[in-house]
Amino acid sequence: EFEGFTGYGEASLPPYLGESQDSVMGFLKKVKLEQFHDPFLLDDILEYVDSIDEGNRAAKACVDIALHDLIGKLVDQPLYRLWGLNPVHTPLTSFTIGIDNPEVVKMKTEEASRFRVLKVKLGGGNDREMINTVRSVTSVPIYVDVNQGWKDKQKALDMIHWLDEQGIEFVEQPLPKEQVDDMAWLTENSPLPIIADEAFQRISDVARFKDVYSGINIKLMKSTGLREAHKMITVARALDMKVMIGCMTETSCAVSAASQLSPLVDWADLDGNLLINNDLYEGVKVIDGKVTLNNLPGIGITKS
């Protein structure tokens, strides 16, 4: 809170990040509020926050999002306008269909009819059945997320060739992140773009993965927030890499924050707030399948 304005942030905690409510609260207790005496010194403030402790990426993102929200409110402008971005250029967002039996997959695909692109999770052993079931319901573009579920690079390539025939747009994290050489080979030989997710965390990873992946999936909970995410996009573009912006299972707070960057990216997967029924906020909307930004200041949210 500053001069009567309050900035809101969020830390979402998927297990693989290794953070918890206790660890986030422990980190926040280490933050010295006197460092925030001038919130417009955002770069210095967030350098300080990042230096407090190793890891704690979601906790740092919480502070980053709140500070960006505060600054936007202090100048009465949404963040995308402060960055000079045109809200007309926001992409479609995908809606996620998880691994399940054909009956459930078909039902969930039918329920997602208002979306113009789907993300389908694979890697569970029934990959072709998953795609065939979705395709029996809809012909919309599909993104595929394997979540490191394939292990053999040749079998992965064979599957990707088949996916290409089914109208798939790209494949996300097909192999375990440790198989860097196999990933580079797969990307070189794949007819579809290969996007890094679990393998990709901080800005130093962008240049390191230039010849390993076709592009990156940026999530605020991995990048420590908007400040580094914006820098990641700039670096990726300079290296001619594709960019996707995604999310964890989050409320409209973090999803709306990530959406402020969406005019800069190729693809968006910003459905985390649509997968919960206890959202505390109202913010970015999905209209005709497209991320639709509002004119509210900061990250563009109100309490619901």
C-alpha atoms as a PDB file:
ATOM      1  CA  GLU A   1       0.000   0.000   0.000  1.00  0.00           C
ATOM      2  CA  PHE A   2       1.293   3.446  -0.947  1.00  0.00           C
ATOM      3  CA  GLU A   3      -0.442   6.836  -0.866  1.00  0.00           C
ATOM      4  CA  GLY A   4      -3.841   5.184  -0.514  1.00  0.00           C
ATOM      5  CA  PHE A   5      -3.345   2.717  -3.367  1.00  0.00           C
ATOM      6  CA  THR A   6      -2.971  -1.049  -2.932  1.00  0.00           C
ATOM      7  CA  GLY A   7      -1.126  -3.355  -5.316  1.00  0.00           C
ATOM      8  CA  TYR A   8      -2.204  -6.999  -5.462  1.00  0.00           C
ATOM      9  CA  GLY A   9       0.060  -9.976  -6.102  1.00  0.00           C
ATOM     10  CA  GLU A  10      -0.216 -13.739  -6.135  1.00  0.00           C
ATOM     11  CA  ALA A  11       2.015 -16.744  -5.574  1.00  0.00           C
ATOM     12  CA  SER A  12       0.718 -19.967  -7.135  1.00  0.00           C
ATOM     13  CA  LEU A  13       2.447 -23.078  -5.826  1.00  0.00           C
ATOM     14  CA  PRO A  14       2.549 -26.147  -8.074  1.00  0.00           C
ATOM     15  CA  PRO A  15       4.497 -28.920  -6.311  1.00  0.00           C
ATOM     16  CA  TYR A  16       7.386 -28.998  -8.777  1.00  0.00           C
ATOM     17  CA  LEU A  17       8.405 -25.446  -7.811  1.00  0.00           C
ATOM     18  CA  GLY A  18       9.220 -26.710  -4.330  1.00  0.00           C
ATOM     19  CA  GLU A  19       7.469 -23.814  -2.589  1.00  0.00           C
ATOM     20  CA  SER A  20       4.697 -23.813  -0.007  1.00  0.00           C
ATOM     21  CA  GLN A  21       2.539 -21.319   1.855  1.00  0.00           C
ATOM     22  CA  ASP A  22       5.018 -21.483   4.730  1.00  0.00           C
ATOM     23  CA  SER A  23       8.028 -20.873   2.500  1.00  0.00           C
ATOM     24  CA  VAL A  24       6.320 -17.924   0.780  1.00  0.00           C
ATOM     25  CA  MET A  25       5.371 -16.361   4.123  1.00  0.00           C
ATOM     26  CA  GLY A  26       8.904 -16.967   5.380  1.00  0.00           C
ATOM     27  CA  PHE A  27      10.356 -15.222   2.348  1.00  0.00           C
ATOM     28  CA  LEU A  28       7.976 -12.252   2.578  1.00  0.00           C
ATOM     29  CA  LYS A  29       8.954 -11.724   6.222  1.00  0.00           C
ATOM     30  CA  LYS A  30      12.535 -11.154   5.051  1.00  0.00           C
ATOM     31  CA  VAL A  31      11.501  -8.318   2.714  1.00  0.00           C
ATOM     32  CA  LYS A  32      12.418  -4.925   4.179  1.00  0.00           C
ATOM     33  CA  LEU A  33       9.642  -2.462   3.415  1.00  0.00           C
ATOM     34  CA  GLU A  34      11.968   0.552   3.552  1.00  0.00           C
ATOM     35  CA  GLN A  35      13.309  -0.632   0.193  1.00  0.00           C
ATOM     36  CA  PHE A  36       9.911   0.335  -1.274  1.00  0.00           C
ATOM     37  CA  HIS A  37      10.033   4.016  -0.288  1.00  0.00           C
ATOM     38  CA  ASP A  38       9.784   4.985  -3.980  1.00  0.00           C
ATOM     39  CA  PRO A  39       7.836   2.300  -5.888  1.00  0.00           C
ATOM     40  CA  PHE A  40       8.908   3.801  -9.218  1.00  0.00           C
ATOM     41  CA  LEU A  41      12.436   2.533  -8.540  1.00  0.00           C
ATOM     42  CA  LEU A  42      11.028  -0.812  -9.614  1.00  0.00           C
ATOM     43  CA  ASP A  43      14.244  -2.233 -11.088  1.00  0.00           C
ATOM     44  CA  ASP A  44      16.280  -1.558  -7.950  1.00  0.00           C
ATOM     45  CA  ILE A  45      13.512  -2.870  -5.713  1.00  0.00           C
ATOM     46  CA  LEU A  46      13.111  -6.142  -7.587  1.00  0.00           C
ATOM     47  CA  GLU A  47      16.886  -6.641  -7.832  1.00  0.00           C
ATOM     48  CA  TYR A  48      16.875  -6.399  -4.046  1.00  0.00           C
ATOM     49  CA  VAL A  49      13.947  -8.837  -3.738  1.00  0.00           C
ATOM     50  CA  ASP A  50      15.685 -11.342  -6.026  1.00  0.00           C
ATOM     51  CA  SER A  51      18.867 -11.116  -3.932  1.00  0.00           C
ATOM     52  CA  ILE A  52      17.191 -11.921  -0.617  1.00  0.00           C
ATOM     53  CA  ASP A  53      17.373 -15.682  -1.119  1.00  0.00           C
ATOM     54  CA  GLU A  54      17.904 -18.334  -3.794  1.00  0.00           C
ATOM     55  CA  GLY A  55      14.854 -19.895  -5.435  1.00  0.00           C
ATOM     56  CA  ASN A  56      11.492 -18.723  -4.068  1.00  0.00           C
ATOM     57  CA  ARG A  57      10.410 -17.775  -7.591  1.00  0.00           C
ATOM     58  CA  ALA A  58       6.677 -17.719  -6.869  1.00  0.00           C
ATOM     59  CA  ALA A  59       7.196 -15.662  -3.710  1.00  0.00           C
ATOM     60  CA  LYS A  60       9.257 -13.165  -5.715  1.00  0.00           C
ATOM     61  CA  ALA A  61       6.588 -13.117  -8.424  1.00  0.00           C
ATOM     62  CA  CYS A  62       3.993 -12.205  -5.800  1.00  0.00           C
ATOM     63  CA  VAL A  63       5.988  -9.101  -4.856  1.00  0.00           C
ATOM     64  CA  ASP A  64       6.728  -8.249  -8.493  1.00  0.00           C
ATOM     65  CA  ILE A  65       3.066  -8.445  -9.558  1.00  0.00           C
ATOM     66  CA  ALA A  66       1.914  -6.343  -6.591  1.00  0.00           C
ATOM     67  CA  LEU A  67       4.525  -3.685  -7.304  1.00  0.00           C
ATOM     68  CA  HIS A  68       3.603  -3.493 -10.989  1.00  0.00           C
ATOM     69  CA  ASP A  69      -0.078  -3.286 -10.044  1.00  0.00           C
ATOM     70  CA  LEU A  70       0.683  -0.451  -7.611  1.00  0.00           C
ATOM     71  CA  ILE A  71       2.658   1.548 -10.168  1.00  0.00           C
ATOM     72  CA  GLY A  72      -0.128   1.238 -12.717  1.00  0.00           C
ATOM     73  CA  LYS A  73      -2.644   2.469 -10.162  1.00  0.00           C
ATOM     74  CA  LEU A  74      -0.429   5.400  -9.141  1.00  0.00           C
ATOM     75  CA  VAL A  75      -0.356   6.663 -12.742  1.00  0.00           C
ATOM     76  CA  ASP A  76      -3.915   5.445 -13.465  1.00  0.00           C
ATOM     77  CA  GLN A  77      -2.920   3.336 -16.477  1.00  0.00           C
ATOM     78  CA  PRO A  78      -2.991  -0.391 -17.309  1.00  0.00           C
ATOM     79  CA  LEU A  79       0.446  -1.939 -17.609  1.00  0.00           C
ATOM     80  CA  TYR A  80       0.091  -2.758 -21.296  1.00  0.00           C
ATOM     81  CA  ARG A  81      -0.285   0.977 -22.008  1.00  0.00           C
ATOM     82  CA  LEU A  82       2.815   1.792 -19.962  1.00  0.00           C
ATOM     83  CA  TRP A  83       4.689  -0.672 -22.159  1.00  0.00           C
ATOM     84  CA  GLY A  84       3.219   0.888 -25.307  1.00  0.00           C
ATOM     85  CA  LEU A  85       1.327  -2.253 -26.321  1.00  0.00           C
ATOM     86  CA  ASN A  86      -1.812  -2.416 -28.449  1.00  0.00           C
ATOM     87  CA  PRO A  87      -4.546  -4.562 -26.837  1.00  0.00           C
ATOM     88  CA  VAL A  88      -5.841  -5.432 -30.316  1.00  0.00           C
ATOM     89  CA  HIS A  89      -2.766  -7.625 -30.735  1.00  0.00           C
ATOM     90  CA  THR A  90      -3.593 -10.075 -27.938  1.00  0.00           C
ATOM     91  CA  PRO A  91      -3.586 -13.717 -29.088  1.00  0.00           C
ATOM     92  CA  LEU A  92      -6.140 -16.458 -28.741  1.00  0.00           C
ATOM     93  CA  THR A  93      -5.814 -18.400 -25.526  1.00  0.00           C
ATOM     94  CA  SER A  94      -5.953 -22.170 -25.422  1.00  0.00           C
ATOM     95  CA  PHE A  95      -8.099 -24.163 -23.016  1.00  0.00           C
ATOM     96  CA  THR A  96      -6.552 -27.279 -21.508  1.00  0.00           C
ATOM     97  CA  ILE A  97      -7.911 -30.807 -21.939  1.00  0.00           C
ATOM     98  CA  GLY A  98      -6.264 -33.158 -19.450  1.00  0.00           C
ATOM     99  CA  ILE A  99      -5.427 -36.843 -19.863  1.00  0.00           C
ATOM    100  CA  ASP A 100      -8.503 -38.963 -19.242  1.00  0.00           C
ATOM    101  CA  ASN A 101     -10.700 -41.671 -20.747  1.00  0.00           C
ATOM    102  CA  PRO A 102     -12.430 -40.977 -24.096  1.00  0.00           C
ATOM    103  CA  GLU A 103     -15.832 -40.239 -22.565  1.00  0.00           C
ATOM    104  CA  VAL A 104     -14.466 -37.541 -20.251  1.00  0.00           C
ATOM    105  CA  VAL A 105     -12.194 -36.082 -22.955  1.00  0.00           C
ATOM    106  CA  LYS A 106     -15.110 -35.853 -25.361  1.00  0.00           C
ATOM    107  CA  MET A 107     -17.292 -34.163 -22.734  1.00  0.00           C
ATOM    108  CA  LYS A 108     -14.596 -31.632 -21.796  1.00  0.00           C
ATOM    109  CA  THR A 109     -13.916 -30.858 -25.463  1.00  0.00           C
ATOM    110  CA  GLU A 110     -17.608 -30.185 -26.026  1.00  0.00           C
ATOM    111  CA  GLU A 111     -17.693 -27.938 -22.946  1.00  0.00           C
ATOM    112  CA  ALA A 112     -14.772 -25.935 -24.366  1.00  0.00           C
ATOM    113  CA  SER A 113     -16.630 -25.056 -27.562  1.00  0.00           C
ATOM    114  CA  ARG A 114     -16.257 -21.297 -26.959  1.00  0.00           C
ATOM    115  CA  PHE A 115     -12.477 -21.609 -27.329  1.00  0.00           C
ATOM    116  CA  ARG A 116     -10.877 -21.411 -30.754  1.00  0.00           C
ATOM    117  CA  VAL A 117      -7.764 -23.376 -29.793  1.00  0.00           C
ATOM    118  CA  LEU A 118      -7.188 -26.226 -27.325  1.00  0.00           C
ATOM    119  CA  LYS A 119      -4.173 -27.497 -25.443  1.00  0.00           C
ATOM    120  CA  VAL A 120      -4.212 -31.291 -25.087  1.00  0.00           C
ATOM    121  CA  LYS A 121      -2.083 -33.039 -22.479  1.00  0.00           C
ATOM    122  CA  LEU A 122      -0.258 -36.148 -23.722  1.00  0.00           C
ATOM    123  CA  GLY A 123       2.303 -38.566 -22.330  1.00  0.00           C
ATOM    124  CA  GLY A 124      -0.068 -40.900 -20.531  1.00  0.00           C
ATOM    125  CA  GLY A 125       0.155 -43.846 -22.919  1.00  0.00           C
ATOM    126  CA  ASN A 126      -3.088 -43.130 -24.787  1.00  0.00           C
ATOM    127  CA  ASP A 127      -1.798 -40.259 -26.914  1.00  0.00           C
ATOM    128  CA  ARG A 128      -3.369 -41.176 -30.247  1.00  0.00           C
ATOM    129  CA  GLU A 129      -6.668 -41.957 -28.554  1.00  0.00           C
ATOM    130  CA  MET A 130      -6.597 -38.532 -26.864  1.00  0.00           C
ATOM    131  CA  ILE A 131      -6.064 -36.681 -30.148  1.00  0.00           C
ATOM    132  CA  ASN A 132      -8.553 -38.806 -32.075  1.00  0.00           C
ATOM    133  CA  THR A 133     -11.194 -38.220 -29.407  1.00  0.00           C
ATOM    134  CA  VAL A 134     -10.699 -34.449 -29.466  1.00  0.00           C
ATOM    135  CA  ARG A 135     -10.696 -34.466 -33.271  1.00  0.00           C
ATOM    136  CA  SER A 136     -14.000 -36.367 -33.276  1.00  0.00           C
ATOM    137  CA  VAL A 137     -15.554 -33.294 -31.650  1.00  0.00           C
ATOM    138  CA  THR A 138     -13.701 -30.310 -33.109  1.00  0.00           C
ATOM    139  CA  SER A 139     -11.349 -29.230 -35.884  1.00  0.00           C
ATOM    140  CA  VAL A 140      -9.895 -26.203 -34.021  1.00  0.00           C
ATOM    141  CA  PRO A 141      -6.097 -25.872 -33.780  1.00  0.00           C
ATOM    142  CA  ILE A 142      -4.479 -27.926 -31.020  1.00  0.00           C
ATOM    143  CA  TYR A 143      -1.376 -27.334 -28.933  1.00  0.00           C
ATOM    144  CA  VAL A 144       0.142 -30.450 -27.375  1.00  0.00           C
ATOM    145  CA  ASP A 145       1.817 -30.524 -23.941  1.00  0.00           C
ATOM    146  CA  VAL A 146       3.671 -33.730 -23.091  1.00  0.00           C
ATOM    147  CA  ASN A 147       5.010 -32.586 -19.685  1.00  0.00           C
ATOM    148  CA  GLN A 148       8.262 -34.571 -20.230  1.00  0.00           C
ATOM    149  CA  GLY A 149       6.184 -37.718 -20.762  1.00  0.00           C
ATOM    150  CA  TRP A 150       8.123 -39.237 -23.684  1.00  0.00           C
ATOM    151  CA  LYS A 151      11.564 -40.743 -23.140  1.00  0.00           C
ATOM    152  CA  ASP A 152      12.803 -42.044 -26.520  1.00  0.00           C
ATOM    153  CA  LYS A 153      13.721 -39.384 -29.088  1.00  0.00           C
ATOM    154  CA  GLN A 154      12.952 -41.512 -32.168  1.00  0.00           C
ATOM    155  CA  LYS A 155       9.549 -42.577 -30.866  1.00  0.00           C
ATOM    156  CA  ALA A 156       8.899 -38.929 -29.984  1.00  0.00           C
ATOM    157  CA  LEU A 157       9.776 -37.872 -33.537  1.00  0.00           C
ATOM    158  CA  ASP A 158       7.518 -40.552 -35.001  1.00  0.00           C
ATOM    159  CA  MET A 159       4.653 -39.303 -32.832  1.00  0.00           C
ATOM    160  CA  ILE A 160       5.322 -35.689 -33.801  1.00  0.00           C
ATOM    161  CA  HIS A 161       5.126 -36.579 -37.505  1.00  0.00           C
ATOM    162  CA  TRP A 162       1.731 -38.161 -36.817  1.00  0.00           C
ATOM    163  CA  LEU A 163       0.633 -35.118 -34.804  1.00  0.00           C
ATOM    164  CA  ASP A 164       1.643 -32.879 -37.682  1.00  0.00           C
ATOM    165  CA  GLU A 165      -0.822 -34.773 -39.872  1.00  0.00           C
ATOM    166  CA  GLN A 166      -3.571 -34.065 -37.302  1.00  0.00           C
ATOM    167  CA  GLY A 167      -3.172 -30.303 -37.506  1.00  0.00           C
ATOM    168  CA  ILE A 168      -1.200 -29.809 -34.299  1.00  0.00           C
ATOM    169  CA  GLU A 169       0.467 -26.384 -33.954  1.00  0.00           C
ATOM    170  CA  PHE A 170       3.416 -27.214 -31.665  1.00  0.00           C
ATOM    171  CA  VAL A 171       4.635 -29.670 -29.012  1.00  0.00           C
ATOM    172  CA  GLU A 172       5.570 -28.545 -25.525  1.00  0.00           C
ATOM    173  CA  GLN A 173       8.301 -30.244 -23.470  1.00  0.00           C
ATOM    174  CA  PRO A 174       8.158 -33.683 -25.152  1.00  0.00           C
ATOM    175  CA  LEU A 175      11.228 -35.152 -23.392  1.00  0.00           C
ATOM    176  CA  PRO A 176      12.593 -34.886 -19.834  1.00  0.00           C
ATOM    177  CA  LYS A 177      14.439 -31.605 -19.334  1.00  0.00           C
ATOM    178  CA  GLU A 178      17.657 -33.484 -18.528  1.00  0.00           C
ATOM    179  CA  GLN A 179      17.829 -34.962 -22.054  1.00  0.00           C
ATOM    180  CA  VAL A 180      19.285 -31.801 -23.576  1.00  0.00           C
ATOM    181  CA  ASP A 181      21.122 -33.462 -26.482  1.00  0.00           C
ATOM    182  CA  ASP A 182      18.071 -35.546 -27.391  1.00  0.00           C
ATOM    183  CA  MET A 183      15.914 -32.412 -27.265  1.00  0.00           C
ATOM    184  CA  ALA A 184      18.266 -30.556 -29.612  1.00  0.00           C
ATOM    185  CA  TRP A 185      18.156 -33.487 -32.061  1.00  0.00           C
ATOM    186  CA  LEU A 186      14.374 -33.666 -31.835  1.00  0.00           C
ATOM    187  CA  THR A 187      13.950 -29.938 -32.435  1.00  0.00           C
ATOM    188  CA  GLU A 188      16.274 -30.054 -35.443  1.00  0.00           C
ATOM    189  CA  ASN A 189      14.322 -32.903 -37.023  1.00  0.00           C
ATOM    190  CA  SER A 190      10.776 -32.007 -35.962  1.00  0.00           C
ATOM    191  CA  PRO A 191       8.253 -30.671 -38.495  1.00  0.00           C
ATOM    192  CA  LEU A 192       6.585 -28.786 -35.588  1.00  0.00           C
ATOM    193  CA  PRO A 193       7.990 -26.163 -33.197  1.00  0.00           C
ATOM    194  CA  ILE A 194       9.218 -27.600 -29.899  1.00  0.00           C
ATOM    195  CA  ILE A 195       8.572 -25.390 -26.866  1.00  0.00           C
ATOM    196  CA  ALA A 196      10.437 -25.481 -23.546  1.00  0.00           C
ATOM    197  CA  ASP A 197       8.417 -25.432 -20.336  1.00  0.00           C
ATOM    198  CA  GLU A 198       9.772 -27.406 -17.365  1.00  0.00           C
ATOM    199  CA  ALA A 199      13.318 -26.982 -18.703  1.00  0.00           C
ATOM    200  CA  PHE A 200      12.958 -23.215 -18.863  1.00  0.00           C
ATOM    201  CA  GLN A 201      12.927 -21.091 -15.716  1.00  0.00           C
ATOM    202  CA  ARG A 202      14.986 -17.864 -15.626  1.00  0.00           C
ATOM    203  CA  ILE A 203      16.306 -15.404 -18.187  1.00  0.00           C
ATOM    204  CA  SER A 204      19.722 -17.070 -18.320  1.00  0.00           C
ATOM    205  CA  ASP A 205      18.019 -20.129 -19.842  1.00  0.00           C
ATOM    206  CA  VAL A 206      16.875 -18.254 -22.968  1.00  0.00           C
ATOM    207  CA  ALA A 207      20.230 -18.033 -24.762  1.00  0.00           C
ATOM    208  CA  ARG A 208      21.272 -21.435 -23.385  1.00  0.00           C
ATOM    209  CA  PHE A 209      18.319 -23.102 -25.115  1.00  0.00           C
ATOM    210  CA  LYS A 210      18.527 -21.241 -28.420  1.00  0.00           C
ATOM    211  CA  ASP A 211      19.662 -24.361 -30.290  1.00  0.00           C
ATOM    212  CA  VAL A 212      17.728 -26.820 -28.124  1.00  0.00           C
ATOM    213  CA  TYR A 213      14.134 -25.569 -28.468  1.00  0.00           C
ATOM    214  CA  SER A 214      12.181 -23.560 -31.034  1.00  0.00           C
ATOM    215  CA  GLY A 215      10.659 -21.381 -28.339  1.00  0.00           C
ATOM    216  CA  ILE A 216       9.887 -20.860 -24.667  1.00  0.00           C
ATOM    217  CA  ASN A 217       6.823 -20.903 -22.414  1.00  0.00           C
ATOM    218  CA  ILE A 218       7.076 -18.020 -19.956  1.00  0.00           C
ATOM    219  CA  LYS A 219       5.171 -18.279 -16.683  1.00  0.00           C
ATOM    220  CA  LEU A 220       5.329 -15.582 -14.038  1.00  0.00           C
ATOM    221  CA  MET A 221       5.728 -18.130 -11.247  1.00  0.00           C
ATOM    222  CA  LYS A 222       8.919 -19.369 -12.930  1.00  0.00           C
ATOM    223  CA  SER A 223      10.314 -16.022 -14.059  1.00  0.00           C
ATOM    224  CA  THR A 224       9.871 -14.252 -10.680  1.00  0.00           C
ATOM    225  CA  GLY A 225       7.255 -12.018 -12.243  1.00  0.00           C
ATOM    226  CA  LEU A 226       6.600  -9.445 -14.957  1.00  0.00           C
ATOM    227  CA  ARG A 227       9.934  -7.642 -14.876  1.00  0.00           C
ATOM    228  CA  GLU A 228      11.983 -10.658 -15.887  1.00  0.00           C
ATOM    229  CA  ALA A 229       9.243 -12.035 -18.151  1.00  0.00           C
ATOM    230  CA  HIS A 230       9.336  -8.830 -20.213  1.00  0.00           C
ATOM    231  CA  LYS A 231      13.125  -9.111 -20.516  1.00  0.00           C
ATOM    232  CA  MET A 232      12.804 -12.773 -21.518  1.00  0.00           C
ATOM    233  CA  ILE A 233      10.552 -11.837 -24.422  1.00  0.00           C
ATOM    234  CA  THR A 234      13.054  -9.246 -25.645  1.00  0.00           C
ATOM    235  CA  VAL A 235      15.945 -11.727 -25.514  1.00  0.00           C
ATOM    236  CA  ALA A 236      13.933 -14.502 -27.168  1.00  0.00           C
ATOM    237  CA  ARG A 237      12.898 -12.211 -30.025  1.00  0.00           C
ATOM    238  CA  ALA A 238      16.523 -11.167 -30.554  1.00  0.00           C
ATOM    239  CA  LEU A 239      17.405 -14.869 -30.841  1.00  0.00           C
ATOM    240  CA  ASP A 240      14.514 -15.513 -33.282  1.00  0.00           C
ATOM    241  CA  MET A 241      12.719 -17.811 -30.854  1.00  0.00           C
ATOM    242  CA  LYS A 242       8.968 -18.278 -30.529  1.00  0.00           C
ATOM    243  CA  VAL A 243       7.294 -17.097 -27.326  1.00  0.00           C
ATOM    244  CA  MET A 244       4.320 -18.438 -25.438  1.00  0.00           C
ATOM    245  CA  ILE A 245       2.937 -17.006 -22.216  1.00  0.00           C
ATOM    246  CA  GLY A 246       1.316 -19.478 -19.852  1.00  0.00           C
ATOM    247  CA  CYS A 247       0.210 -19.829 -16.272  1.00  0.00           C
ATOM    248  CA  MET A 248      -0.211 -22.241 -13.405  1.00  0.00           C
ATOM    249  CA  THR A 249      -3.584 -22.849 -11.789  1.00  0.00           C
ATOM    250  CA  GLU A 250      -4.063 -19.248 -10.702  1.00  0.00           C
ATOM    251  CA  THR A 251      -6.710 -16.665  -9.894  1.00  0.00           C
ATOM    252  CA  SER A 252      -7.506 -13.745 -12.169  1.00  0.00           C
ATOM    253  CA  CYS A 253      -4.844 -11.773 -10.281  1.00  0.00           C
ATOM    254  CA  ALA A 254      -1.823 -13.583 -11.719  1.00  0.00           C
ATOM    255  CA  VAL A 255      -3.542 -14.449 -15.008  1.00  0.00           C
ATOM    256  CA  SER A 256      -4.466 -10.811 -15.608  1.00  0.00           C
ATOM    257  CA  ALA A 257      -0.894  -9.797 -14.789  1.00  0.00           C
ATOM    258  CA  ALA A 258       0.524 -12.233 -17.356  1.00  0.00           C
ATOM    259  CA  SER A 259      -2.073 -11.090 -19.883  1.00  0.00           C
ATOM    260  CA  GLN A 260      -0.600  -7.587 -19.851  1.00  0.00           C
ATOM    261  CA  LEU A 261       2.339  -9.032 -21.819  1.00  0.00           C
ATOM    262  CA  SER A 262       0.213 -11.047 -24.227  1.00  0.00           C
ATOM    263  CA  PRO A 263       0.315  -8.587 -27.166  1.00  0.00           C
ATOM    264  CA  LEU A 264       4.035  -9.404 -27.414  1.00  0.00           C
ATOM    265  CA  VAL A 265       3.781 -13.189 -27.783  1.00  0.00           C
ATOM    266  CA  ASP A 266       2.949 -15.791 -30.429  1.00  0.00           C
ATOM    267  CA  TRP A 267       0.728 -17.992 -28.270  1.00  0.00           C
ATOM    268  CA  ALA A 268      -1.112 -17.760 -24.962  1.00  0.00           C
ATOM    269  CA  ASP A 269      -2.260 -20.428 -22.528  1.00  0.00           C
ATOM    270  CA  LEU A 270      -3.990 -18.254 -19.954  1.00  0.00           C
ATOM    271  CA  ASP A 271      -6.827 -20.387 -18.666  1.00  0.00           C
ATOM    272  CA  GLY A 272      -5.678 -20.998 -15.078  1.00  0.00           C
ATOM    273  CA  ASN A 273      -8.415 -18.823 -13.603  1.00  0.00           C
ATOM    274  CA  LEU A 274     -11.037 -20.687 -15.624  1.00  0.00           C
ATOM    275  CA  LEU A 275     -10.085 -23.997 -14.004  1.00  0.00           C
ATOM    276  CA  ILE A 276     -11.021 -22.929 -10.460  1.00  0.00           C
ATOM    277  CA  ASN A 277     -14.330 -22.040  -8.787  1.00  0.00           C
ATOM    278  CA  ASN A 278     -12.994 -19.831  -5.965  1.00  0.00           C
ATOM    279  CA  ASP A 279     -11.564 -16.892  -7.914  1.00  0.00           C
ATOM    280  CA  LEU A 280     -11.249 -13.851  -5.646  1.00  0.00           C
ATOM    281  CA  TYR A 281     -10.884 -11.361  -8.492  1.00  0.00           C
ATOM    282  CA  GLU A 282     -12.337 -10.229 -11.785  1.00  0.00           C
ATOM    283  CA  GLY A 283      -9.937  -9.213 -14.518  1.00  0.00           C
ATOM    284  CA  VAL A 284      -8.984 -10.234 -18.024  1.00  0.00           C
ATOM    285  CA  LYS A 285     -11.754 -11.867 -20.036  1.00  0.00           C
ATOM    286  CA  VAL A 286     -11.799 -14.415 -22.835  1.00  0.00           C
ATOM    287  CA  ILE A 287     -14.084 -13.141 -25.594  1.00  0.00           C
ATOM    288  CA  ASP A 288     -14.496 -15.195 -28.766  1.00  0.00           C
ATOM    289  CA  GLY A 289     -11.527 -17.265 -27.589  1.00  0.00           C
ATOM    290  CA  LYS A 290      -9.241 -14.219 -27.382  1.00  0.00           C
ATOM    291  CA  VAL A 291      -7.439 -12.667 -24.427  1.00  0.00           C
ATOM    292  CA  THR A 292      -9.298  -9.378 -23.931  1.00  0.00           C
ATOM    293  CA  LEU A 293      -7.651  -6.690 -21.825  1.00  0.00           C
ATOM    294  CA  ASN A 294      -9.606  -4.012 -19.978  1.00  0.00           C
ATOM    295  CA  ASN A 295      -8.775  -0.376 -19.227  1.00  0.00           C
ATOM    296  CA  LEU A 296      -8.420  -0.747 -15.465  1.00  0.00           C
ATOM    297  CA  PRO A 297      -5.097   0.501 -14.053  1.00  0.00           C
ATOM    298  CA  GLY A 298      -2.245  -1.797 -13.092  1.00  0.00           C
ATOM    299  CA  ILE A 299      -2.869  -5.464 -13.823  1.00  0.00           C
ATOM    300  CA  GLY A 300      -6.557  -4.746 -14.460  1.00  0.00           C
ATOM    301  CA  ILE A 301      -8.381  -6.483 -11.613  1.00  0.00           C
ATOM    302  CA  THR A 302     -11.106  -5.788  -9.086  1.00  0.00           C
ATOM    303  CA  LYS A 303     -12.113  -7.889  -6.092  1.00  0.00           C
ATOM    304  CA  SER A 304     -15.121 -10.056  -6.919  1.00  0.00           C
END
